[in-house]
Amino acid sequence: MNRFSEIKDLIMSLEADFEKFYDKKNQAAGTRVRKGMQDLKNLAQDIRKEVQDIKNS
């Protein structure tokens, strides 16, 4: 469950930037949101690979 916690922590760390971007139209916050979402994508891909490896072994 450690990997699940990593995803939750990453999403929670982006909450303030989401609010700043969508509510206050802060462009720098939008850049941080995009970077965070890319990190989330990479983390999800790593988890998918890990699950597949465990399933196949």
C-alpha atoms as a PDB file:
ATOM      1  CA  MET A   1       0.000   0.000   0.000  1.00  0.00           C
ATOM      2  CA  ASN A   2       3.021   2.274   0.057  1.00  0.00           C
ATOM      3  CA  ARG A   3       2.596   3.034  -3.663  1.00  0.00           C
ATOM      4  CA  PHE A   4      -1.022   4.048  -3.081  1.00  0.00           C
ATOM      5  CA  SER A   5       0.155   6.481  -0.405  1.00  0.00           C
ATOM      6  CA  GLU A   6       2.626   7.982  -2.865  1.00  0.00           C
ATOM      7  CA  ILE A   7      -0.206   8.706  -5.301  1.00  0.00           C
ATOM      8  CA  LYS A   8      -2.406  10.229  -2.594  1.00  0.00           C
ATOM      9  CA  ASP A   9       0.449  12.411  -1.330  1.00  0.00           C
ATOM     10  CA  LEU A  10       1.238  13.645  -4.829  1.00  0.00           C
ATOM     11  CA  ILE A  11      -2.376  14.536  -5.539  1.00  0.00           C
ATOM     12  CA  MET A  12      -2.806  16.265  -2.193  1.00  0.00           C
ATOM     13  CA  SER A  13       0.363  18.293  -2.765  1.00  0.00           C
ATOM     14  CA  LEU A  14      -1.154  19.627  -6.000  1.00  0.00           C
ATOM     15  CA  GLU A  15      -4.434  20.756  -4.460  1.00  0.00           C
ATOM     16  CA  ALA A  16      -3.312  24.316  -3.723  1.00  0.00           C
ATOM     17  CA  ASP A  17      -1.894  24.762  -7.214  1.00  0.00           C
ATOM     18  CA  PHE A  18      -5.135  23.501  -8.768  1.00  0.00           C
ATOM     19  CA  GLU A  19      -7.070  26.089  -6.763  1.00  0.00           C
ATOM     20  CA  LYS A  20      -4.660  28.870  -7.682  1.00  0.00           C
ATOM     21  CA  PHE A  21      -4.821  28.007 -11.363  1.00  0.00           C
ATOM     22  CA  TYR A  22      -8.543  27.399 -11.772  1.00  0.00           C
ATOM     23  CA  ASP A  23      -9.868  29.974  -9.298  1.00  0.00           C
ATOM     24  CA  LYS A  24      -7.277  32.748  -9.501  1.00  0.00           C
ATOM     25  CA  LYS A  25      -5.950  32.093 -13.036  1.00  0.00           C
ATOM     26  CA  ASN A  26      -2.364  31.959 -11.757  1.00  0.00           C
ATOM     27  CA  GLN A  27      -0.283  30.828 -14.756  1.00  0.00           C
ATOM     28  CA  ALA A  28       2.708  29.658 -12.693  1.00  0.00           C
ATOM     29  CA  ALA A  29       0.398  27.387 -10.724  1.00  0.00           C
ATOM     30  CA  GLY A  30      -0.772  25.931 -14.036  1.00  0.00           C
ATOM     31  CA  THR A  31       2.816  25.036 -14.871  1.00  0.00           C
ATOM     32  CA  ARG A  32       3.197  23.307 -11.510  1.00  0.00           C
ATOM     33  CA  VAL A  33      -0.077  21.436 -12.099  1.00  0.00           C
ATOM     34  CA  ARG A  34       1.137  20.220 -15.485  1.00  0.00           C
ATOM     35  CA  LYS A  35       4.436  19.070 -13.981  1.00  0.00           C
ATOM     36  CA  GLY A  36       2.625  17.320 -11.141  1.00  0.00           C
ATOM     37  CA  MET A  37       0.296  15.572 -13.551  1.00  0.00           C
ATOM     38  CA  GLN A  38       3.283  14.375 -15.578  1.00  0.00           C
ATOM     39  CA  ASP A  39       4.832  13.029 -12.373  1.00  0.00           C
ATOM     40  CA  LEU A  40       1.530  11.300 -11.599  1.00  0.00           C
ATOM     41  CA  LYS A  41       1.489   9.745 -15.051  1.00  0.00           C
ATOM     42  CA  ASN A  42       5.033   8.446 -14.617  1.00  0.00           C
ATOM     43  CA  LEU A  43       4.259   7.081 -11.148  1.00  0.00           C
ATOM     44  CA  ALA A  44       1.147   5.350 -12.454  1.00  0.00           C
ATOM     45  CA  GLN A  45       3.153   3.795 -15.277  1.00  0.00           C
ATOM     46  CA  ASP A  46       5.769   2.531 -12.813  1.00  0.00           C
ATOM     47  CA  ILE A  47       3.035   0.997 -10.663  1.00  0.00           C
ATOM     48  CA  ARG A  48       1.425  -0.651 -13.689  1.00  0.00           C
ATOM     49  CA  LYS A  49       4.763  -2.203 -14.625  1.00  0.00           C
ATOM     50  CA  GLU A  50       5.370  -3.357 -11.044  1.00  0.00           C
ATOM     51  CA  VAL A  51       1.920  -4.961 -10.827  1.00  0.00           C
ATOM     52  CA  GLN A  52       2.426  -6.703 -14.162  1.00  0.00           C
ATOM     53  CA  ASP A  53       5.820  -8.034 -13.070  1.00  0.00           C
ATOM     54  CA  ILE A  54       4.407  -9.369  -9.791  1.00  0.00           C
ATOM     55  CA  LYS A  55       1.447 -10.902 -11.588  1.00  0.00           C
ATOM     56  CA  ASN A  56       3.701 -12.688 -14.093  1.00  0.00           C
ATOM     57  CA  SER A  57       6.137 -14.076 -11.548  1.00  0.00           C
END
